[in-house]
Amino acid sequence: MNRLFPDLSWKVEPDRRMNIPGVDEDKVADIVIRARPLTSDVTRPATMFDPALTYYADGTHVVMRAQGTERSGHAFGLAEGAAPYCFQAVRWDDGGADLVAPHVLHRVENQAQDGVA
């Protein structure tokens, strides 16, 4: 390659997500803009190809369980996307946010006082 283009040079940039700790504020801002509020839980019925999907009202404490990971946060709306379903907007407890497929989200049930169920 250098013989064909002797002045050609390039610099490989490291992946910022791996090198910069903290929250990607641009990503969070984009999700906030795209999400529309949801004032109450909504359950869409199952179809031939999709299970029943539940979307949680804003502020609902949820946990994502997918691919051997578990992450908790709070729902803050819905975002229409390229998928045949809406994505749930979730702000994670660590401050980040994502659009999450609804089938991997579950409501966090509150623990009873003093550990008594």
PDB file of N, CA and C in Angstrom:
ATOM      1  N   MET A   1       0.816  -1.183   0.000  1.00  0.00           N
ATOM      2  CA  MET A   1       0.000   0.000   0.000  1.00  0.00           C
ATOM      3  C   MET A   1       0.865   1.255   0.000  1.00  0.00           C
ATOM      4  N   ASN A   2       1.944   1.244   0.772  1.00  0.00           N
ATOM      5  CA  ASN A   2       2.805   2.420   0.837  1.00  0.00           C
ATOM      6  C   ASN A   2       3.523   2.679  -0.479  1.00  0.00           C
ATOM      7  N   ARG A   3       3.759   1.630  -1.269  1.00  0.00           N
ATOM      8  CA  ARG A   3       4.412   1.859  -2.563  1.00  0.00           C
ATOM      9  C   ARG A   3       3.481   2.590  -3.523  1.00  0.00           C
ATOM     10  N   LEU A   4       2.191   2.306  -3.466  1.00  0.00           N
ATOM     11  CA  LEU A   4       1.239   2.967  -4.350  1.00  0.00           C
ATOM     12  C   LEU A   4       0.940   4.396  -3.905  1.00  0.00           C
ATOM     13  N   PHE A   5       0.867   4.597  -2.598  1.00  0.00           N
ATOM     14  CA  PHE A   5       0.541   5.908  -2.037  1.00  0.00           C
ATOM     15  C   PHE A   5       1.547   6.240  -0.947  1.00  0.00           C
ATOM     16  N   PRO A   6       2.724   6.744  -1.310  1.00  0.00           N
ATOM     17  CA  PRO A   6       3.771   6.962  -0.305  1.00  0.00           C
ATOM     18  C   PRO A   6       3.408   8.003   0.760  1.00  0.00           C
ATOM     19  N   ASP A   7       2.510   8.933   0.450  1.00  0.00           N
ATOM     20  CA  ASP A   7       2.133   9.962   1.424  1.00  0.00           C
ATOM     21  C   ASP A   7       0.940   9.561   2.290  1.00  0.00           C
ATOM     22  N   LEU A   8       0.396   8.378   2.042  1.00  0.00           N
ATOM     23  CA  LEU A   8      -0.774   7.935   2.770  1.00  0.00           C
ATOM     24  C   LEU A   8      -0.402   7.524   4.194  1.00  0.00           C
ATOM     25  N   SER A   9      -1.153   8.026   5.140  1.00  0.00           N
ATOM     26  CA  SER A   9      -0.994   7.606   6.527  1.00  0.00           C
ATOM     27  C   SER A   9      -2.360   7.661   7.191  1.00  0.00           C
ATOM     28  N   TRP A  10      -2.513   6.919   8.232  1.00  0.00           N
ATOM     29  CA  TRP A  10      -3.755   6.950   8.967  1.00  0.00           C
ATOM     30  C   TRP A  10      -3.466   6.685  10.430  1.00  0.00           C
ATOM     31  N   LYS A  11      -4.429   7.062  11.205  1.00  0.00           N
ATOM     32  CA  LYS A  11      -4.306   6.892  12.646  1.00  0.00           C
ATOM     33  C   LYS A  11      -5.499   6.070  13.116  1.00  0.00           C
ATOM     34  N   VAL A  12      -5.247   5.044  13.866  1.00  0.00           N
ATOM     35  CA  VAL A  12      -6.318   4.210  14.403  1.00  0.00           C
ATOM     36  C   VAL A  12      -6.752   4.794  15.735  1.00  0.00           C
ATOM     37  N   GLU A  13      -8.024   5.154  15.814  1.00  0.00           N
ATOM     38  CA  GLU A  13      -8.571   5.723  17.050  1.00  0.00           C
ATOM     39  C   GLU A  13      -9.085   4.598  17.945  1.00  0.00           C
ATOM     40  N   PRO A  14      -8.773   4.628  19.226  1.00  0.00           N
ATOM     41  CA  PRO A  14      -9.321   3.616  20.133  1.00  0.00           C
ATOM     42  C   PRO A  14     -10.821   3.833  20.327  1.00  0.00           C
ATOM     43  N   ASP A  15     -11.518   2.796  20.702  1.00  0.00           N
ATOM     44  CA  ASP A  15     -12.945   2.879  20.967  1.00  0.00           C
ATOM     45  C   ASP A  15     -13.154   3.694  22.239  1.00  0.00           C
ATOM     46  N   ARG A  16     -13.828   4.851  22.112  1.00  0.00           N
ATOM     47  CA  ARG A  16     -14.021   5.739  23.251  1.00  0.00           C
ATOM     48  C   ARG A  16     -14.840   5.095  24.361  1.00  0.00           C
ATOM     49  N   ARG A  17     -15.782   4.236  24.006  1.00  0.00           N
ATOM     50  CA  ARG A  17     -16.616   3.633  25.030  1.00  0.00           C
ATOM     51  C   ARG A  17     -15.807   2.763  25.973  1.00  0.00           C
ATOM     52  N   MET A  18     -14.712   2.234  25.488  1.00  0.00           N
ATOM     53  CA  MET A  18     -13.894   1.379  26.341  1.00  0.00           C
ATOM     54  C   MET A  18     -12.894   2.186  27.163  1.00  0.00           C
ATOM     55  N   ASN A  19     -12.543   3.377  26.699  1.00  0.00           N
ATOM     56  CA  ASN A  19     -11.474   4.138  27.341  1.00  0.00           C
ATOM     57  C   ASN A  19     -11.949   5.274  28.236  1.00  0.00           C
ATOM     58  N   ILE A  20     -13.160   5.730  28.048  1.00  0.00           N
ATOM     59  CA  ILE A  20     -13.641   6.860  28.829  1.00  0.00           C
ATOM     60  C   ILE A  20     -14.705   6.363  29.793  1.00  0.00           C
ATOM     61  N   PRO A  21     -14.438   6.407  31.080  1.00  0.00           N
ATOM     62  CA  PRO A  21     -15.447   5.967  32.037  1.00  0.00           C
ATOM     63  C   PRO A  21     -16.586   6.978  32.125  1.00  0.00           C
ATOM     64  N   GLY A  22     -17.723   6.537  32.617  1.00  0.00           N
ATOM     65  CA  GLY A  22     -18.835   7.443  32.825  1.00  0.00           C
ATOM     66  C   GLY A  22     -19.932   7.257  31.792  1.00  0.00           C
ATOM     67  N   VAL A  23     -20.754   8.262  31.655  1.00  0.00           N
ATOM     68  CA  VAL A  23     -21.966   8.193  30.856  1.00  0.00           C
ATOM     69  C   VAL A  23     -21.768   8.953  29.549  1.00  0.00           C
ATOM     70  N   ASP A  24     -22.255   8.380  28.459  1.00  0.00           N
ATOM     71  CA  ASP A  24     -22.227   9.045  27.162  1.00  0.00           C
ATOM     72  C   ASP A  24     -23.424   9.998  27.107  1.00  0.00           C
ATOM     73  N   GLU A  25     -23.194  11.259  27.436  1.00  0.00           N
ATOM     74  CA  GLU A  25     -24.265  12.248  27.549  1.00  0.00           C
ATOM     75  C   GLU A  25     -25.000  12.461  26.225  1.00  0.00           C
ATOM     76  N   ASP A  26     -24.301  12.373  25.080  1.00  0.00           N
ATOM     77  CA  ASP A  26     -24.961  12.538  23.786  1.00  0.00           C
ATOM     78  C   ASP A  26     -25.973  11.432  23.547  1.00  0.00           C
ATOM     79  N   LYS A  27     -25.627  10.216  23.917  1.00  0.00           N
ATOM     80  CA  LYS A  27     -26.537   9.082  23.751  1.00  0.00           C
ATOM     81  C   LYS A  27     -27.771   9.264  24.623  1.00  0.00           C
ATOM     82  N   VAL A  28     -27.572   9.653  25.875  1.00  0.00           N
ATOM     83  CA  VAL A  28     -28.699   9.867  26.783  1.00  0.00           C
ATOM     84  C   VAL A  28     -29.602  10.971  26.243  1.00  0.00           C
ATOM     85  N   ALA A  29     -29.038  12.064  25.774  1.00  0.00           N
ATOM     86  CA  ALA A  29     -29.832  13.173  25.239  1.00  0.00           C
ATOM     87  C   ALA A  29     -30.637  12.737  24.018  1.00  0.00           C
ATOM     88  N   ASP A  30     -30.047  11.930  23.148  1.00  0.00           N
ATOM     89  CA  ASP A  30     -30.748  11.435  21.969  1.00  0.00           C
ATOM     90  C   ASP A  30     -31.938  10.571  22.363  1.00  0.00           C
ATOM     91  N   ILE A  31     -31.767   9.720  23.360  1.00  0.00           N
ATOM     92  CA  ILE A  31     -32.862   8.859  23.812  1.00  0.00           C
ATOM     93  C   ILE A  31     -33.972   9.696  24.428  1.00  0.00           C
ATOM     94  N   VAL A  32     -33.628  10.699  25.212  1.00  0.00           N
ATOM     95  CA  VAL A  32     -34.633  11.568  25.834  1.00  0.00           C
ATOM     96  C   VAL A  32     -35.464  12.266  24.753  1.00  0.00           C
ATOM     97  N   ILE A  33     -34.829  12.702  23.680  1.00  0.00           N
ATOM     98  CA  ILE A  33     -35.543  13.369  22.585  1.00  0.00           C
ATOM     99  C   ILE A  33     -36.480  12.403  21.864  1.00  0.00           C
ATOM    100  N   ARG A  34     -36.040  11.165  21.656  1.00  0.00           N
ATOM    101  CA  ARG A  34     -36.815  10.199  20.888  1.00  0.00           C
ATOM    102  C   ARG A  34     -37.950   9.544  21.671  1.00  0.00           C
ATOM    103  N   ALA A  35     -37.849   9.515  22.991  1.00  0.00           N
ATOM    104  CA  ALA A  35     -38.843   8.814  23.807  1.00  0.00           C
ATOM    105  C   ALA A  35     -40.060   9.691  24.051  1.00  0.00           C
ATOM    106  N   ARG A  36     -41.222   9.061  23.963  1.00  0.00           N
ATOM    107  CA  ARG A  36     -42.446   9.780  24.331  1.00  0.00           C
ATOM    108  C   ARG A  36     -42.915   9.244  25.674  1.00  0.00           C
ATOM    109  N   PRO A  37     -43.473  10.102  26.523  1.00  0.00           N
ATOM    110  CA  PRO A  37     -43.869   9.694  27.868  1.00  0.00           C
ATOM    111  C   PRO A  37     -44.933   8.597  27.848  1.00  0.00           C
ATOM    112  N   LEU A  38     -44.941   7.806  28.903  1.00  0.00           N
ATOM    113  CA  LEU A  38     -45.953   6.767  29.082  1.00  0.00           C
ATOM    114  C   LEU A  38     -46.468   6.878  30.511  1.00  0.00           C
ATOM    115  N   THR A  39     -47.723   7.291  30.655  1.00  0.00           N
ATOM    116  CA  THR A  39     -48.266   7.585  31.982  1.00  0.00           C
ATOM    117  C   THR A  39     -48.781   6.360  32.728  1.00  0.00           C
ATOM    118  N   SER A  40     -49.047   5.270  32.004  1.00  0.00           N
ATOM    119  CA  SER A  40     -49.502   4.046  32.680  1.00  0.00           C
ATOM    120  C   SER A  40     -48.980   2.834  31.910  1.00  0.00           C
ATOM    121  N   ASP A  41     -48.954   1.685  32.585  1.00  0.00           N
ATOM    122  CA  ASP A  41     -48.503   0.455  31.927  1.00  0.00           C
ATOM    123  C   ASP A  41     -49.411   0.129  30.747  1.00  0.00           C
ATOM    124  N   VAL A  42     -48.805  -0.417  29.692  1.00  0.00           N
ATOM    125  CA  VAL A  42     -49.552  -0.837  28.507  1.00  0.00           C
ATOM    126  C   VAL A  42     -49.095  -2.245  28.161  1.00  0.00           C
ATOM    127  N   THR A  43     -50.061  -3.150  27.964  1.00  0.00           N
ATOM    128  CA  THR A  43     -49.724  -4.503  27.522  1.00  0.00           C
ATOM    129  C   THR A  43     -50.361  -4.730  26.168  1.00  0.00           C
ATOM    130  N   ARG A  44     -49.528  -5.041  25.185  1.00  0.00           N
ATOM    131  CA  ARG A  44     -50.032  -5.360  23.853  1.00  0.00           C
ATOM    132  C   ARG A  44     -50.241  -6.869  23.790  1.00  0.00           C
ATOM    133  N   PRO A  45     -51.367  -7.305  23.241  1.00  0.00           N
ATOM    134  CA  PRO A  45     -51.652  -8.745  23.215  1.00  0.00           C
ATOM    135  C   PRO A  45     -50.689  -9.507  22.306  1.00  0.00           C
ATOM    136  N   ALA A  46     -50.577 -10.786  22.580  1.00  0.00           N
ATOM    137  CA  ALA A  46     -49.724 -11.648  21.759  1.00  0.00           C
ATOM    138  C   ALA A  46     -50.310 -11.781  20.365  1.00  0.00           C
ATOM    139  N   THR A  47     -49.435 -11.951  19.401  1.00  0.00           N
ATOM    140  CA  THR A  47     -49.857 -12.230  18.028  1.00  0.00           C
ATOM    141  C   THR A  47     -49.285 -13.593  17.651  1.00  0.00           C
ATOM    142  N   MET A  48     -49.512 -14.005  16.420  1.00  0.00           N
ATOM    143  CA  MET A  48     -49.000 -15.294  15.979  1.00  0.00           C
ATOM    144  C   MET A  48     -47.482 -15.367  16.109  1.00  0.00           C
ATOM    145  N   PHE A  49     -46.801 -14.260  15.891  1.00  0.00           N
ATOM    146  CA  PHE A  49     -45.337 -14.269  15.881  1.00  0.00           C
ATOM    147  C   PHE A  49     -44.697 -13.636  17.108  1.00  0.00           C
ATOM    148  N   ASP A  50     -45.434 -12.853  17.881  1.00  0.00           N
ATOM    149  CA  ASP A  50     -44.860 -12.131  19.011  1.00  0.00           C
ATOM    150  C   ASP A  50     -45.587 -12.462  20.303  1.00  0.00           C
ATOM    151  N   PRO A  51     -44.859 -12.526  21.416  1.00  0.00           N
ATOM    152  CA  PRO A  51     -45.520 -12.724  22.718  1.00  0.00           C
ATOM    153  C   PRO A  51     -46.200 -11.423  23.149  1.00  0.00           C
ATOM    154  N   ALA A  52     -46.995 -11.513  24.202  1.00  0.00           N
ATOM    155  CA  ALA A  52     -47.570 -10.293  24.768  1.00  0.00           C
ATOM    156  C   ALA A  52     -46.425  -9.420  25.269  1.00  0.00           C
ATOM    157  N   LEU A  53     -46.465  -8.130  24.977  1.00  0.00           N
ATOM    158  CA  LEU A  53     -45.405  -7.214  25.374  1.00  0.00           C
ATOM    159  C   LEU A  53     -45.956  -6.195  26.358  1.00  0.00           C
ATOM    160  N   THR A  54     -45.262  -6.010  27.458  1.00  0.00           N
ATOM    161  CA  THR A  54     -45.665  -5.017  28.452  1.00  0.00           C
ATOM    162  C   THR A  54     -44.681  -3.868  28.436  1.00  0.00           C
ATOM    163  N   TYR A  55     -45.231  -2.648  28.377  1.00  0.00           N
ATOM    164  CA  TYR A  55     -44.441  -1.428  28.475  1.00  0.00           C
ATOM    165  C   TYR A  55     -44.787  -0.782  29.807  1.00  0.00           C
ATOM    166  N   TYR A  56     -43.767  -0.346  30.532  1.00  0.00           N
ATOM    167  CA  TYR A  56     -43.964   0.143  31.889  1.00  0.00           C
ATOM    168  C   TYR A  56     -44.056   1.665  31.922  1.00  0.00           C
ATOM    169  N   ALA A  57     -44.915   2.148  32.826  1.00  0.00           N
ATOM    170  CA  ALA A  57     -45.111   3.590  32.995  1.00  0.00           C
ATOM    171  C   ALA A  57     -43.806   4.260  33.420  1.00  0.00           C
ATOM    172  N   ASP A  58     -43.686   5.526  33.082  1.00  0.00           N
ATOM    173  CA  ASP A  58     -42.504   6.297  33.474  1.00  0.00           C
ATOM    174  C   ASP A  58     -42.278   6.198  34.978  1.00  0.00           C
ATOM    175  N   GLY A  59     -41.014   5.990  35.361  1.00  0.00           N
ATOM    176  CA  GLY A  59     -40.648   5.899  36.761  1.00  0.00           C
ATOM    177  C   GLY A  59     -40.684   4.496  37.338  1.00  0.00           C
ATOM    178  N   THR A  60     -41.212   3.523  36.571  1.00  0.00           N
ATOM    179  CA  THR A  60     -41.271   2.147  37.066  1.00  0.00           C
ATOM    180  C   THR A  60     -39.868   1.575  37.185  1.00  0.00           C
ATOM    181  N   HIS A  61     -39.567   0.971  38.324  1.00  0.00           N
ATOM    182  CA  HIS A  61     -38.263   0.334  38.543  1.00  0.00           C
ATOM    183  C   HIS A  61     -38.274  -0.993  37.789  1.00  0.00           C
ATOM    184  N   VAL A  62     -37.346  -1.150  36.846  1.00  0.00           N
ATOM    185  CA  VAL A  62     -37.284  -2.342  36.003  1.00  0.00           C
ATOM    186  C   VAL A  62     -35.892  -2.961  36.057  1.00  0.00           C
ATOM    187  N   VAL A  63     -35.834  -4.230  35.661  1.00  0.00           N
ATOM    188  CA  VAL A  63     -34.561  -4.926  35.530  1.00  0.00           C
ATOM    189  C   VAL A  63     -34.533  -5.554  34.143  1.00  0.00           C
ATOM    190  N   MET A  64     -33.386  -5.446  33.492  1.00  0.00           N
ATOM    191  CA  MET A  64     -33.191  -6.085  32.197  1.00  0.00           C
ATOM    192  C   MET A  64     -32.431  -7.381  32.435  1.00  0.00           C
ATOM    193  N   ARG A  65     -32.973  -8.463  31.923  1.00  0.00           N
ATOM    194  CA  ARG A  65     -32.292  -9.754  31.993  1.00  0.00           C
ATOM    195  C   ARG A  65     -32.130 -10.263  30.569  1.00  0.00           C
ATOM    196  N   ALA A  66     -30.877 -10.268  30.096  1.00  0.00           N
ATOM    197  CA  ALA A  66     -30.605 -10.708  28.727  1.00  0.00           C
ATOM    198  C   ALA A  66     -29.174 -11.199  28.621  1.00  0.00           C
ATOM    199  N   GLN A  67     -28.980 -12.289  27.914  1.00  0.00           N
ATOM    200  CA  GLN A  67     -27.656 -12.832  27.623  1.00  0.00           C
ATOM    201  C   GLN A  67     -26.766 -12.926  28.862  1.00  0.00           C
ATOM    202  N   GLY A  68     -27.316 -13.458  29.936  1.00  0.00           N
ATOM    203  CA  GLY A  68     -26.533 -13.651  31.149  1.00  0.00           C
ATOM    204  C   GLY A  68     -26.190 -12.388  31.910  1.00  0.00           C
ATOM    205  N   THR A  69     -26.814 -11.269  31.564  1.00  0.00           N
ATOM    206  CA  THR A  69     -26.561 -10.019  32.285  1.00  0.00           C
ATOM    207  C   THR A  69     -27.835  -9.561  32.972  1.00  0.00           C
ATOM    208  N   GLU A  70     -27.668  -8.788  34.005  1.00  0.00           N
ATOM    209  CA  GLU A  70     -28.797  -8.203  34.708  1.00  0.00           C
ATOM    210  C   GLU A  70     -28.438  -6.766  35.042  1.00  0.00           C
ATOM    211  N   ARG A  71     -29.346  -5.845  34.709  1.00  0.00           N
ATOM    212  CA  ARG A  71     -29.085  -4.423  34.914  1.00  0.00           C
ATOM    213  C   ARG A  71     -30.388  -3.753  35.316  1.00  0.00           C
ATOM    214  N   SER A  72     -30.353  -2.879  36.318  1.00  0.00           N
ATOM    215  CA  SER A  72     -31.592  -2.251  36.770  1.00  0.00           C
ATOM    216  C   SER A  72     -31.591  -0.756  36.492  1.00  0.00           C
ATOM    217  N   GLY A  73     -32.805  -0.237  36.394  1.00  0.00           N
ATOM    218  CA  GLY A  73     -32.989   1.184  36.129  1.00  0.00           C
ATOM    219  C   GLY A  73     -34.461   1.545  36.227  1.00  0.00           C
ATOM    220  N   HIS A  74     -34.824   2.687  35.616  1.00  0.00           N
ATOM    221  CA  HIS A  74     -36.201   3.176  35.652  1.00  0.00           C
ATOM    222  C   HIS A  74     -36.655   3.518  34.239  1.00  0.00           C
ATOM    223  N   ALA A  75     -37.871   3.083  33.906  1.00  0.00           N
ATOM    224  CA  ALA A  75     -38.455   3.365  32.590  1.00  0.00           C
ATOM    225  C   ALA A  75     -38.778   4.852  32.494  1.00  0.00           C
ATOM    226  N   PHE A  76     -38.604   5.414  31.280  1.00  0.00           N
ATOM    227  CA  PHE A  76     -39.007   6.807  31.105  1.00  0.00           C
ATOM    228  C   PHE A  76     -39.614   7.090  29.734  1.00  0.00           C
ATOM    229  N   GLY A  77     -40.281   6.122  29.142  1.00  0.00           N
ATOM    230  CA  GLY A  77     -41.006   6.372  27.903  1.00  0.00           C
ATOM    231  C   GLY A  77     -40.823   5.280  26.877  1.00  0.00           C
ATOM    232  N   LEU A  78     -41.361   5.553  25.681  1.00  0.00           N
ATOM    233  CA  LEU A  78     -41.298   4.632  24.548  1.00  0.00           C
ATOM    234  C   LEU A  78     -40.674   5.339  23.364  1.00  0.00           C
ATOM    235  N   ALA A  79     -40.027   4.569  22.515  1.00  0.00           N
ATOM    236  CA  ALA A  79     -39.480   5.123  21.275  1.00  0.00           C
ATOM    237  C   ALA A  79     -39.842   4.197  20.132  1.00  0.00           C
ATOM    238  N   GLU A  80     -40.472   4.751  19.110  1.00  0.00           N
ATOM    239  CA  GLU A  80     -40.787   3.991  17.903  1.00  0.00           C
ATOM    240  C   GLU A  80     -39.483   3.766  17.159  1.00  0.00           C
ATOM    241  N   GLY A  81     -39.325   2.595  16.590  1.00  0.00           N
ATOM    242  CA  GLY A  81     -38.088   2.303  15.877  1.00  0.00           C
ATOM    243  C   GLY A  81     -38.350   1.510  14.623  1.00  0.00           C
ATOM    244  N   ALA A  82     -37.327   0.877  14.132  1.00  0.00           N
ATOM    245  CA  ALA A  82     -37.433   0.070  12.925  1.00  0.00           C
ATOM    246  C   ALA A  82     -38.073  -1.283  13.215  1.00  0.00           C
ATOM    247  N   ALA A  83     -38.127  -1.673  14.487  1.00  0.00           N
ATOM    248  CA  ALA A  83     -38.714  -2.960  14.864  1.00  0.00           C
ATOM    249  C   ALA A  83     -40.239  -2.856  14.821  1.00  0.00           C
ATOM    250  N   PRO A  84     -40.931  -3.977  14.752  1.00  0.00           N
ATOM    251  CA  PRO A  84     -42.393  -3.950  14.738  1.00  0.00           C
ATOM    252  C   PRO A  84     -42.990  -3.595  16.103  1.00  0.00           C
ATOM    253  N   TYR A  85     -42.158  -3.388  17.096  1.00  0.00           N
ATOM    254  CA  TYR A  85     -42.614  -3.000  18.426  1.00  0.00           C
ATOM    255  C   TYR A  85     -41.872  -1.738  18.847  1.00  0.00           C
ATOM    256  N   CYS A  86     -42.357  -1.087  19.888  1.00  0.00           N
ATOM    257  CA  CYS A  86     -41.673   0.080  20.448  1.00  0.00           C
ATOM    258  C   CYS A  86     -40.558  -0.399  21.371  1.00  0.00           C
ATOM    259  N   PHE A  87     -39.561   0.433  21.541  1.00  0.00           N
ATOM    260  CA  PHE A  87     -38.513   0.164  22.515  1.00  0.00           C
ATOM    261  C   PHE A  87     -38.829   0.939  23.783  1.00  0.00           C
ATOM    262  N   GLN A  88     -38.536   0.336  24.928  1.00  0.00           N
ATOM    263  CA  GLN A  88     -38.729   1.010  26.208  1.00  0.00           C
ATOM    264  C   GLN A  88     -37.469   1.814  26.507  1.00  0.00           C
ATOM    265  N   ALA A  89     -37.631   3.078  26.854  1.00  0.00           N
ATOM    266  CA  ALA A  89     -36.497   3.915  27.249  1.00  0.00           C
ATOM    267  C   ALA A  89     -36.236   3.671  28.732  1.00  0.00           C
ATOM    268  N   VAL A  90     -34.976   3.351  29.057  1.00  0.00           N
ATOM    269  CA  VAL A  90     -34.613   3.044  30.440  1.00  0.00           C
ATOM    270  C   VAL A  90     -33.388   3.851  30.827  1.00  0.00           C
ATOM    271  N   ARG A  91     -33.475   4.540  31.966  1.00  0.00           N
ATOM    272  CA  ARG A  91     -32.307   5.206  32.548  1.00  0.00           C
ATOM    273  C   ARG A  91     -31.762   4.268  33.608  1.00  0.00           C
ATOM    274  N   TRP A  92     -30.520   3.823  33.404  1.00  0.00           N
ATOM    275  CA  TRP A  92     -29.896   2.851  34.305  1.00  0.00           C
ATOM    276  C   TRP A  92     -29.516   3.493  35.624  1.00  0.00           C
ATOM    277  N   ASP A  93     -29.413   2.686  36.648  1.00  0.00           N
ATOM    278  CA  ASP A  93     -29.041   3.179  37.973  1.00  0.00           C
ATOM    279  C   ASP A  93     -27.658   3.829  37.978  1.00  0.00           C
ATOM    280  N   ASP A  94     -26.785   3.459  37.012  1.00  0.00           N
ATOM    281  CA  ASP A  94     -25.452   4.074  36.934  1.00  0.00           C
ATOM    282  C   ASP A  94     -25.458   5.400  36.176  1.00  0.00           C
ATOM    283  N   GLY A  95     -26.639   5.850  35.705  1.00  0.00           N
ATOM    284  CA  GLY A  95     -26.750   7.144  35.038  1.00  0.00           C
ATOM    285  C   GLY A  95     -26.861   7.078  33.532  1.00  0.00           C
ATOM    286  N   GLY A  96     -26.520   5.981  32.904  1.00  0.00           N
ATOM    287  CA  GLY A  96     -26.643   5.835  31.460  1.00  0.00           C
ATOM    288  C   GLY A  96     -28.086   5.585  31.072  1.00  0.00           C
ATOM    289  N   ALA A  97     -28.324   5.423  29.778  1.00  0.00           N
ATOM    290  CA  ALA A  97     -29.673   5.138  29.284  1.00  0.00           C
ATOM    291  C   ALA A  97     -29.566   4.318  28.013  1.00  0.00           C
ATOM    292  N   ASP A  98     -30.613   3.553  27.739  1.00  0.00           N
ATOM    293  CA  ASP A  98     -30.689   2.753  26.524  1.00  0.00           C
ATOM    294  C   ASP A  98     -32.136   2.605  26.104  1.00  0.00           C
ATOM    295  N   LEU A  99     -32.324   2.264  24.827  1.00  0.00           N
ATOM    296  CA  LEU A  99     -33.613   1.812  24.329  1.00  0.00           C
ATOM    297  C   LEU A  99     -33.556   0.296  24.367  1.00  0.00           C
ATOM    298  N   VAL A 100     -34.525  -0.322  25.047  1.00  0.00           N
ATOM    299  CA  VAL A 100     -34.459  -1.753  25.328  1.00  0.00           C
ATOM    300  C   VAL A 100     -35.697  -2.445  24.757  1.00  0.00           C
ATOM    301  N   ALA A 101     -35.491  -3.614  24.169  1.00  0.00           N
ATOM    302  CA  ALA A 101     -36.608  -4.423  23.699  1.00  0.00           C
ATOM    303  C   ALA A 101     -37.457  -4.829  24.902  1.00  0.00           C
ATOM    304  N   PRO A 102     -38.772  -4.701  24.816  1.00  0.00           N
ATOM    305  CA  PRO A 102     -39.617  -4.900  25.993  1.00  0.00           C
ATOM    306  C   PRO A 102     -39.624  -6.324  26.543  1.00  0.00           C
ATOM    307  N   HIS A 103     -39.326  -7.311  25.741  1.00  0.00           N
ATOM    308  CA  HIS A 103     -39.407  -8.691  26.233  1.00  0.00           C
ATOM    309  C   HIS A 103     -38.295  -9.056  27.215  1.00  0.00           C
ATOM    310  N   VAL A 104     -37.264  -8.231  27.365  1.00  0.00           N
ATOM    311  CA  VAL A 104     -36.200  -8.527  28.337  1.00  0.00           C
ATOM    312  C   VAL A 104     -36.319  -7.689  29.606  1.00  0.00           C
ATOM    313  N   LEU A 105     -37.358  -6.849  29.698  1.00  0.00           N
ATOM    314  CA  LEU A 105     -37.556  -6.014  30.883  1.00  0.00           C
ATOM    315  C   LEU A 105     -38.605  -6.624  31.806  1.00  0.00           C
ATOM    316  N   HIS A 106     -38.362  -6.489  33.101  1.00  0.00           N
ATOM    317  CA  HIS A 106     -39.286  -7.007  34.102  1.00  0.00           C
ATOM    318  C   HIS A 106     -39.400  -5.985  35.222  1.00  0.00           C
ATOM    319  N   ARG A 107     -40.606  -5.861  35.769  1.00  0.00           N
ATOM    320  CA  ARG A 107     -40.822  -4.951  36.891  1.00  0.00           C
ATOM    321  C   ARG A 107     -40.083  -5.483  38.115  1.00  0.00           C
ATOM    322  N   VAL A 108     -39.432  -4.591  38.848  1.00  0.00           N
ATOM    323  CA  VAL A 108     -38.789  -4.961  40.109  1.00  0.00           C
ATOM    324  C   VAL A 108     -39.855  -4.897  41.178  1.00  0.00           C
ATOM    325  N   GLU A 109     -40.096  -6.035  41.796  1.00  0.00           N
ATOM    326  CA  GLU A 109     -41.088  -6.085  42.863  1.00  0.00           C
ATOM    327  C   GLU A 109     -40.473  -5.537  44.131  1.00  0.00           C
ATOM    328  N   ASN A 110     -41.177  -4.681  44.816  1.00  0.00           N
ATOM    329  CA  ASN A 110     -40.658  -4.092  46.062  1.00  0.00           C
ATOM    330  C   ASN A 110     -40.567  -5.149  47.145  1.00  0.00           C
ATOM    331  N   GLN A 111     -39.481  -5.110  47.898  1.00  0.00           N
ATOM    332  CA  GLN A 111     -39.311  -6.017  49.029  1.00  0.00           C
ATOM    333  C   GLN A 111     -40.173  -5.522  50.195  1.00  0.00           C
ATOM    334  N   ALA A 112     -40.793  -6.441  50.893  1.00  0.00           N
ATOM    335  CA  ALA A 112     -41.584  -6.072  52.062  1.00  0.00           C
ATOM    336  C   ALA A 112     -40.672  -5.564  53.177  1.00  0.00           C
ATOM    337  N   GLN A 113     -41.222  -4.798  54.072  1.00  0.00           N
ATOM    338  CA  GLN A 113     -40.457  -4.268  55.206  1.00  0.00           C
ATOM    339  C   GLN A 113     -39.953  -5.410  56.083  1.00  0.00           C
ATOM    340  N   ASP A 114     -38.759  -5.284  56.612  1.00  0.00           N
ATOM    341  CA  ASP A 114     -38.135  -6.237  57.532  1.00  0.00           C
ATOM    342  C   ASP A 114     -37.965  -7.629  56.927  1.00  0.00           C
ATOM    343  N   GLY A 115     -37.962  -7.736  55.611  1.00  0.00           N
ATOM    344  CA  GLY A 115     -37.726  -9.012  54.947  1.00  0.00           C
ATOM    345  C   GLY A 115     -38.904  -9.970  55.012  1.00  0.00           C
ATOM    346  N   VAL A 116     -40.068  -9.516  55.486  1.00  0.00           N
ATOM    347  CA  VAL A 116     -41.256 -10.366  55.560  1.00  0.00           C
ATOM    348  C   VAL A 116     -42.033 -10.212  54.278  1.00  0.00           C
ATOM    349  N   ALA A 117     -42.328 -11.325  53.611  1.00  0.00           N
ATOM    350  CA  ALA A 117     -43.063 -11.261  52.349  1.00  0.00           C
ATOM    351  C   ALA A 117     -44.553 -11.285  52.592  1.00  0.00           C
TER     352      ALA A 117
END
